[in-house]
PDB file of N, CA and C in Angstrom:
ATOM      1  N   MET A   1     -33.462  -2.200  54.085  1.00  0.00           N
ATOM      2  CA  MET A   1     -32.162  -2.838  54.100  1.00  0.00           C
ATOM      3  C   MET A   1     -31.264  -2.278  52.994  1.00  0.00           C
ATOM      4  N   GLY A   2     -31.846  -1.668  51.964  1.00  0.00           N
ATOM      5  CA  GLY A   2     -31.065  -1.142  50.864  1.00  0.00           C
ATOM      6  C   GLY A   2     -30.394   0.182  51.184  1.00  0.00           C
ATOM      7  N   SER A   3     -30.987   0.985  52.049  1.00  0.00           N
ATOM      8  CA  SER A   3     -30.393   2.276  52.368  1.00  0.00           C
ATOM      9  C   SER A   3     -29.844   2.271  53.786  1.00  0.00           C
ATOM     10  N   LEU A   4     -28.883   3.147  54.008  1.00  0.00           N
ATOM     11  CA  LEU A   4     -28.283   3.235  55.331  1.00  0.00           C
ATOM     12  C   LEU A   4     -28.939   4.376  56.110  1.00  0.00           C
ATOM     13  N   SER A   5     -29.263   4.116  57.336  1.00  0.00           N
ATOM     14  CA  SER A   5     -29.880   5.144  58.169  1.00  0.00           C
ATOM     15  C   SER A   5     -28.785   5.986  58.831  1.00  0.00           C
ATOM     16  N   ILE A   6     -29.190   6.981  59.560  1.00  0.00           N
ATOM     17  CA  ILE A   6     -28.245   7.865  60.241  1.00  0.00           C
ATOM     18  C   ILE A   6     -27.418   7.098  61.269  1.00  0.00           C
ATOM     19  N   TRP A   7     -28.004   6.074  61.877  1.00  0.00           N
ATOM     20  CA  TRP A   7     -27.277   5.294  62.885  1.00  0.00           C
ATOM     21  C   TRP A   7     -26.161   4.485  62.227  1.00  0.00           C
ATOM     22  N   HIS A   8     -26.381   3.995  61.035  1.00  0.00           N
ATOM     23  CA  HIS A   8     -25.319   3.279  60.336  1.00  0.00           C
ATOM     24  C   HIS A   8     -24.140   4.215  60.043  1.00  0.00           C
ATOM     25  N   TRP A   9     -24.444   5.428  59.576  1.00  0.00           N
ATOM     26  CA  TRP A   9     -23.390   6.388  59.280  1.00  0.00           C
ATOM     27  C   TRP A   9     -22.624   6.792  60.539  1.00  0.00           C
ATOM     28  N   ILE A  10     -23.310   6.943  61.648  1.00  0.00           N
ATOM     29  CA  ILE A  10     -22.646   7.301  62.917  1.00  0.00           C
ATOM     30  C   ILE A  10     -21.694   6.197  63.329  1.00  0.00           C
ATOM     31  N   VAL A  11     -22.118   4.941  63.202  1.00  0.00           N
ATOM     32  CA  VAL A  11     -21.263   3.816  63.573  1.00  0.00           C
ATOM     33  C   VAL A  11     -20.046   3.756  62.637  1.00  0.00           C
ATOM     34  N   VAL A  12     -20.255   3.948  61.347  1.00  0.00           N
ATOM     35  CA  VAL A  12     -19.140   3.903  60.395  1.00  0.00           C
ATOM     36  C   VAL A  12     -18.132   5.007  60.697  1.00  0.00           C
ATOM     37  N   ILE A  13     -18.602   6.201  60.943  1.00  0.00           N
ATOM     38  CA  ILE A  13     -17.706   7.320  61.255  1.00  0.00           C
ATOM     39  C   ILE A  13     -16.954   7.065  62.555  1.00  0.00           C
ATOM     40  N   ALA A  14     -17.625   6.514  63.552  1.00  0.00           N
ATOM     41  CA  ALA A  14     -16.975   6.206  64.831  1.00  0.00           C
ATOM     42  C   ALA A  14     -15.876   5.165  64.646  1.00  0.00           C
ATOM     43  N   VAL A  15     -16.129   4.147  63.849  1.00  0.00           N
ATOM     44  CA  VAL A  15     -15.118   3.109  63.618  1.00  0.00           C
ATOM     45  C   VAL A  15     -13.922   3.693  62.866  1.00  0.00           C
ATOM     46  N   VAL A  16     -14.187   4.514  61.866  1.00  0.00           N
ATOM     47  CA  VAL A  16     -13.091   5.136  61.110  1.00  0.00           C
ATOM     48  C   VAL A  16     -12.247   6.017  62.025  1.00  0.00           C
ATOM     49  N   LEU A  17     -12.884   6.799  62.873  1.00  0.00           N
ATOM     50  CA  LEU A  17     -12.131   7.657  63.799  1.00  0.00           C
ATOM     51  C   LEU A  17     -11.331   6.832  64.798  1.00  0.00           C
ATOM     52  N   LEU A  18     -11.886   5.721  65.249  1.00  0.00           N
ATOM     53  CA  LEU A  18     -11.151   4.874  66.191  1.00  0.00           C
ATOM     54  C   LEU A  18      -9.948   4.207  65.517  1.00  0.00           C
ATOM     55  N   LEU A  19     -10.116   3.773  64.297  1.00  0.00           N
ATOM     56  CA  LEU A  19      -9.022   3.089  63.609  1.00  0.00           C
ATOM     57  C   LEU A  19      -7.904   4.044  63.208  1.00  0.00           C
ATOM     58  N   PHE A  20      -8.263   5.160  62.623  1.00  0.00           N
ATOM     59  CA  PHE A  20      -7.251   6.055  62.081  1.00  0.00           C
ATOM     60  C   PHE A  20      -6.894   7.209  63.016  1.00  0.00           C
ATOM     61  N   GLY A  21      -7.786   7.601  63.860  1.00  0.00           N
ATOM     62  CA  GLY A  21      -7.523   8.725  64.749  1.00  0.00           C
ATOM     63  C   GLY A  21      -7.661  10.044  64.019  1.00  0.00           C
ATOM     64  N   ARG A  22      -7.847  11.084  64.776  1.00  0.00           N
ATOM     65  CA  ARG A  22      -8.061  12.398  64.183  1.00  0.00           C
ATOM     66  C   ARG A  22      -6.802  12.935  63.522  1.00  0.00           C
ATOM     67  N   GLY A  23      -5.647  12.660  64.094  1.00  0.00           N
ATOM     68  CA  GLY A  23      -4.388  13.177  63.557  1.00  0.00           C
ATOM     69  C   GLY A  23      -4.027  12.568  62.218  1.00  0.00           C
ATOM     70  N   LYS A  24      -4.232  11.268  62.087  1.00  0.00           N
ATOM     71  CA  LYS A  24      -3.879  10.598  60.837  1.00  0.00           C
ATOM     72  C   LYS A  24      -4.767  11.054  59.694  1.00  0.00           C
ATOM     73  N   ILE A  25      -6.041  11.271  59.982  1.00  0.00           N
ATOM     74  CA  ILE A  25      -6.955  11.701  58.928  1.00  0.00           C
ATOM     75  C   ILE A  25      -6.587  13.110  58.456  1.00  0.00           C
ATOM     76  N   SER A  26      -6.265  14.004  59.371  1.00  0.00           N
ATOM     77  CA  SER A  26      -5.890  15.360  58.948  1.00  0.00           C
ATOM     78  C   SER A  26      -4.570  15.351  58.185  1.00  0.00           C
ATOM     79  N   ASP A  27      -3.624  14.497  58.590  1.00  0.00           N
ATOM     80  CA  ASP A  27      -2.366  14.369  57.844  1.00  0.00           C
ATOM     81  C   ASP A  27      -2.622  13.833  56.443  1.00  0.00           C
ATOM     82  N   LEU A  28      -3.512  12.871  56.347  1.00  0.00           N
ATOM     83  CA  LEU A  28      -3.844  12.290  55.050  1.00  0.00           C
ATOM     84  C   LEU A  28      -4.490  13.325  54.140  1.00  0.00           C
ATOM     85  N   MET A  29      -5.381  14.121  54.673  1.00  0.00           N
ATOM     86  CA  MET A  29      -6.040  15.154  53.865  1.00  0.00           C
ATOM     87  C   MET A  29      -5.031  16.219  53.433  1.00  0.00           C
ATOM     88  N   GLY A  30      -4.074  16.554  54.300  1.00  0.00           N
ATOM     89  CA  GLY A  30      -3.030  17.510  53.938  1.00  0.00           C
ATOM     90  C   GLY A  30      -2.155  16.975  52.811  1.00  0.00           C
ATOM     91  N   ASP A  31      -1.831  15.683  52.864  1.00  0.00           N
ATOM     92  CA  ASP A  31      -1.040  15.070  51.804  1.00  0.00           C
ATOM     93  C   ASP A  31      -1.799  15.065  50.484  1.00  0.00           C
ATOM     94  N   VAL A  32      -3.090  14.795  50.551  1.00  0.00           N
ATOM     95  CA  VAL A  32      -3.910  14.806  49.340  1.00  0.00           C
ATOM     96  C   VAL A  32      -3.948  16.213  48.748  1.00  0.00           C
ATOM     97  N   ALA A  33      -4.086  17.228  49.586  1.00  0.00           N
ATOM     98  CA  ALA A  33      -4.122  18.612  49.109  1.00  0.00           C
ATOM     99  C   ALA A  33      -2.791  18.999  48.463  1.00  0.00           C
ATOM    100  N   GLN A  34      -1.676  18.591  49.045  1.00  0.00           N
ATOM    101  CA  GLN A  34      -0.368  18.888  48.459  1.00  0.00           C
ATOM    102  C   GLN A  34      -0.197  18.187  47.120  1.00  0.00           C
ATOM    103  N   GLY A  35      -0.708  16.974  47.015  1.00  0.00           N
ATOM    104  CA  GLY A  35      -0.638  16.247  45.754  1.00  0.00           C
ATOM    105  C   GLY A  35      -1.440  16.937  44.665  1.00  0.00           C
ATOM    106  N   ILE A  36      -2.608  17.434  45.012  1.00  0.00           N
ATOM    107  CA  ILE A  36      -3.444  18.139  44.040  1.00  0.00           C
ATOM    108  C   ILE A  36      -2.758  19.424  43.591  1.00  0.00           C
ATOM    109  N   LYS A  37      -2.150  20.154  44.530  1.00  0.00           N
ATOM    110  CA  LYS A  37      -1.448  21.393  44.178  1.00  0.00           C
ATOM    111  C   LYS A  37      -0.264  21.106  43.263  1.00  0.00           C
ATOM    112  N   ALA A  38       0.481  20.038  43.555  1.00  0.00           N
ATOM    113  CA  ALA A  38       1.623  19.677  42.720  1.00  0.00           C
ATOM    114  C   ALA A  38       1.159  19.274  41.318  1.00  0.00           C
ATOM    115  N   PHE A  39       0.051  18.567  41.228  1.00  0.00           N
ATOM    116  CA  PHE A  39      -0.489  18.168  39.932  1.00  0.00           C
ATOM    117  C   PHE A  39      -0.902  19.381  39.113  1.00  0.00           C
ATOM    118  N   LYS A  40      -1.587  20.332  39.752  1.00  0.00           N
ATOM    119  CA  LYS A  40      -2.015  21.539  39.043  1.00  0.00           C
ATOM    120  C   LYS A  40      -0.811  22.349  38.569  1.00  0.00           C
ATOM    121  N   LYS A  41       0.233  22.440  39.414  1.00  0.00           N
ATOM    122  CA  LYS A  41       1.435  23.175  39.031  1.00  0.00           C
ATOM    123  C   LYS A  41       2.118  22.499  37.858  1.00  0.00           C
ATOM    124  N   GLY A  42       2.157  21.184  37.863  1.00  0.00           N
ATOM    125  CA  GLY A  42       2.747  20.453  36.752  1.00  0.00           C
ATOM    126  C   GLY A  42       1.977  20.652  35.460  1.00  0.00           C
ATOM    127  N   MET A  43       0.665  20.705  35.548  1.00  0.00           N
ATOM    128  CA  MET A  43      -0.148  20.940  34.350  1.00  0.00           C
ATOM    129  C   MET A  43       0.092  22.347  33.808  1.00  0.00           C
ATOM    130  N   GLN A  44       0.251  23.336  34.684  1.00  0.00           N
ATOM    131  CA  GLN A  44       0.523  24.702  34.239  1.00  0.00           C
ATOM    132  C   GLN A  44       1.900  24.787  33.594  1.00  0.00           C
ATOM    133  N   ASP A  45       2.882  24.076  34.139  1.00  0.00           N
ATOM    134  CA  ASP A  45       4.222  24.073  33.560  1.00  0.00           C
ATOM    135  C   ASP A  45       4.196  23.461  32.165  1.00  0.00           C
ATOM    136  N   ASP A  46       3.411  22.411  31.962  1.00  0.00           N
ATOM    137  CA  ASP A  46       3.307  21.799  30.640  1.00  0.00           C
ATOM    138  C   ASP A  46       2.704  22.772  29.636  1.00  0.00           C
ATOM    139  N   ASP A  47       1.712  23.546  30.063  1.00  0.00           N
ATOM    140  CA  ASP A  47       1.101  24.522  29.165  1.00  0.00           C
ATOM    141  C   ASP A  47       2.093  25.612  28.785  1.00  0.00           C
ATOM    142  N   LYS A  48       2.912  26.059  29.736  1.00  0.00           N
ATOM    143  CA  LYS A  48       3.894  27.109  29.455  1.00  0.00           C
ATOM    144  C   LYS A  48       4.945  26.612  28.474  1.00  0.00           C
ATOM    145  N   VAL A  49       5.379  25.379  28.617  1.00  0.00           N
ATOM    146  CA  VAL A  49       6.390  24.820  27.724  1.00  0.00           C
ATOM    147  C   VAL A  49       5.810  24.665  26.323  1.00  0.00           C
ATOM    148  N   ALA A  50       4.547  24.269  26.215  1.00  0.00           N
ATOM    149  CA  ALA A  50       3.929  24.065  24.907  1.00  0.00           C
ATOM    150  C   ALA A  50       3.718  25.402  24.188  1.00  0.00           C
ATOM    151  N   ASP A  51       3.504  26.474  24.903  1.00  0.00           N
ATOM    152  CA  ASP A  51       3.284  27.779  24.282  1.00  0.00           C
ATOM    153  C   ASP A  51       4.562  28.355  23.684  1.00  0.00           C
ATOM    154  N   LYS A  52       5.699  28.068  24.272  1.00  0.00           N
ATOM    155  CA  LYS A  52       6.968  28.652  23.842  1.00  0.00           C
ATOM    156  C   LYS A  52       7.608  27.744  22.787  1.00  0.00           C
ATOM    157  N   PRO A  53       7.736  28.207  21.520  1.00  0.00           N
ATOM    158  CA  PRO A  53       8.332  27.363  20.479  1.00  0.00           C
ATOM    159  C   PRO A  53       9.842  27.254  20.665  1.00  0.00           C
ATOM    160  N   ASP A  54      10.382  26.127  20.252  1.00  0.00           N
ATOM    161  CA  ASP A  54      11.823  25.922  20.322  1.00  0.00           C
ATOM    162  C   ASP A  54      12.504  26.706  19.205  1.00  0.00           C
ATOM    163  N   PRO A  55      13.719  27.202  19.433  1.00  0.00           N
ATOM    164  CA  PRO A  55      14.426  27.913  18.359  1.00  0.00           C
ATOM    165  C   PRO A  55      14.781  26.943  17.228  1.00  0.00           C
ATOM    166  N   VAL A  56      14.798  27.471  16.020  1.00  0.00           N
ATOM    167  CA  VAL A  56      15.083  26.652  14.851  1.00  0.00           C
ATOM    168  C   VAL A  56      16.575  26.382  14.789  1.00  0.00           C
ATOM    169  N   LYS A  57      16.927  25.129  14.594  1.00  0.00           N
ATOM    170  CA  LYS A  57      18.336  24.749  14.493  1.00  0.00           C
ATOM    171  C   LYS A  57      18.670  24.527  13.023  1.00  0.00           C
ATOM    172  N   SER A  58      19.833  24.966  12.617  1.00  0.00           N
ATOM    173  CA  SER A  58      20.248  24.776  11.230  1.00  0.00           C
ATOM    174  C   SER A  58      21.548  23.988  11.186  1.00  0.00           C
ATOM    175  N   ILE A  59      21.732  23.311  10.085  1.00  0.00           N
ATOM    176  CA  ILE A  59      22.924  22.497   9.886  1.00  0.00           C
ATOM    177  C   ILE A  59      23.697  23.085   8.716  1.00  0.00           C
ATOM    178  N   ASP A  60      25.013  23.261   8.868  1.00  0.00           N
ATOM    179  CA  ASP A  60      25.860  23.753   7.778  1.00  0.00           C
ATOM    180  C   ASP A  60      25.971  22.671   6.710  1.00  0.00           C
ATOM    181  N   HIS A  61      25.801  23.065   5.448  1.00  0.00           N
ATOM    182  CA  HIS A  61      25.822  22.098   4.361  1.00  0.00           C
ATOM    183  C   HIS A  61      27.176  22.006   3.677  1.00  0.00           C
ATOM    184  N   ALA A  62      28.163  22.706   4.153  1.00  0.00           N
ATOM    185  CA  ALA A  62      29.490  22.659   3.548  1.00  0.00           C
ATOM    186  C   ALA A  62      30.144  21.329   3.900  1.00  0.00           C
ATOM    187  N   PRO A  63      30.681  20.623   2.892  1.00  0.00           N
ATOM    188  CA  PRO A  63      31.322  19.335   3.185  1.00  0.00           C
ATOM    189  C   PRO A  63      32.642  19.541   3.925  1.00  0.00           C
ATOM    190  N   ALA A  64      32.937  18.629   4.796  1.00  0.00           N
ATOM    191  CA  ALA A  64      34.191  18.692   5.542  1.00  0.00           C
ATOM    192  C   ALA A  64      35.327  18.257   4.624  1.00  0.00           C
ATOM    193  N   PRO A  65      36.470  18.952   4.669  1.00  0.00           N
ATOM    194  CA  PRO A  65      37.601  18.566   3.803  1.00  0.00           C
ATOM    195  C   PRO A  65      38.168  17.217   4.227  1.00  0.00           C
ATOM    196  N   SER A  66      38.452  16.383   3.251  1.00  0.00           N
ATOM    197  CA  SER A  66      39.011  15.060   3.519  1.00  0.00           C
ATOM    198  C   SER A  66      40.527  15.173   3.581  1.00  0.00           C
ATOM    199  N   THR A  67      41.131  14.726   4.646  1.00  0.00           N
ATOM    200  CA  THR A  67      42.585  14.844   4.816  1.00  0.00           C
ATOM    201  C   THR A  67      43.303  13.578   4.401  1.00  0.00           C
ATOM    202  N   ALA A  68      42.666  12.436   4.499  1.00  0.00           N
ATOM    203  CA  ALA A  68      43.336  11.180   4.151  1.00  0.00           C
ATOM    204  C   ALA A  68      42.478  10.435   3.134  1.00  0.00           C
ATOM    205  N   ALA A  69      43.111   9.962   2.105  1.00  0.00           N
ATOM    206  CA  ALA A  69      42.410   9.187   1.086  1.00  0.00           C
ATOM    207  C   ALA A  69      42.336   7.733   1.538  1.00  0.00           C
ATOM    208  N   ARG A  70      41.196   7.129   1.300  1.00  0.00           N
ATOM    209  CA  ARG A  70      41.057   5.727   1.685  1.00  0.00           C
ATOM    210  C   ARG A  70      41.462   4.857   0.519  1.00  0.00           C
ATOM    211  N   SER A  71      42.271   3.885   0.781  1.00  0.00           N
ATOM    212  CA  SER A  71      42.735   2.990  -0.277  1.00  0.00           C
ATOM    213  C   SER A  71      41.936   1.693  -0.326  1.00  0.00           C
ATOM    214  N   ASP A  72      41.128   1.413   0.686  1.00  0.00           N
ATOM    215  CA  ASP A  72      40.394   0.152   0.733  1.00  0.00           C
ATOM    216  C   ASP A  72      38.971   0.266   0.188  1.00  0.00           C
ATOM    217  N   VAL A  73      38.657   1.345  -0.487  1.00  0.00           N
ATOM    218  CA  VAL A  73      37.320   1.519  -1.029  1.00  0.00           C
ATOM    219  C   VAL A  73      37.140   0.584  -2.210  1.00  0.00           C
ATOM    220  N   GLY A  74      36.117  -0.220  -2.181  1.00  0.00           N
ATOM    221  CA  GLY A  74      35.788  -1.113  -3.289  1.00  0.00           C
ATOM    222  C   GLY A  74      36.504  -2.439  -3.259  1.00  0.00           C
ATOM    223  N   SER A  75      37.396  -2.667  -2.335  1.00  0.00           N
ATOM    224  CA  SER A  75      38.078  -3.968  -2.287  1.00  0.00           C
ATOM    225  C   SER A  75      37.673  -4.696  -1.029  1.00  0.00           C
ATOM    226  N   LYS A  76      37.254  -5.942  -1.219  1.00  0.00           N
ATOM    227  CA  LYS A  76      36.884  -6.765  -0.079  1.00  0.00           C
ATOM    228  C   LYS A  76      37.726  -8.037  -0.104  1.00  0.00           C
ATOM    229  N   ALA A  77      38.226  -8.400   1.033  1.00  0.00           N
ATOM    230  CA  ALA A  77      38.979  -9.644   1.121  1.00  0.00           C
ATOM    231  C   ALA A  77      38.011 -10.772   1.407  1.00  0.00           C
ATOM    232  N   VAL A  78      38.106 -11.842   0.639  1.00  0.00           N
ATOM    233  CA  VAL A  78      37.177 -12.962   0.803  1.00  0.00           C
ATOM    234  C   VAL A  78      37.839 -14.067   1.557  1.00  0.00           C
TER     235      VAL A  78
END
């Protein structure tokens, strides 16, 4: 009772084929294969991006000239 015999497997396969049909199973397997290919391609793209370092960005340290003086610095209205 613990193991399945060949007759059990034949019945299970027959029920699966009757429920899903041959066309649906092949479509499902094709979709699974496309998903695996897309996953592998995505993993390869991640590796390529990680290998290529980003260019170094620099910031100019020259202060911007002030055109208008602020008169409200240090005064707060209560």
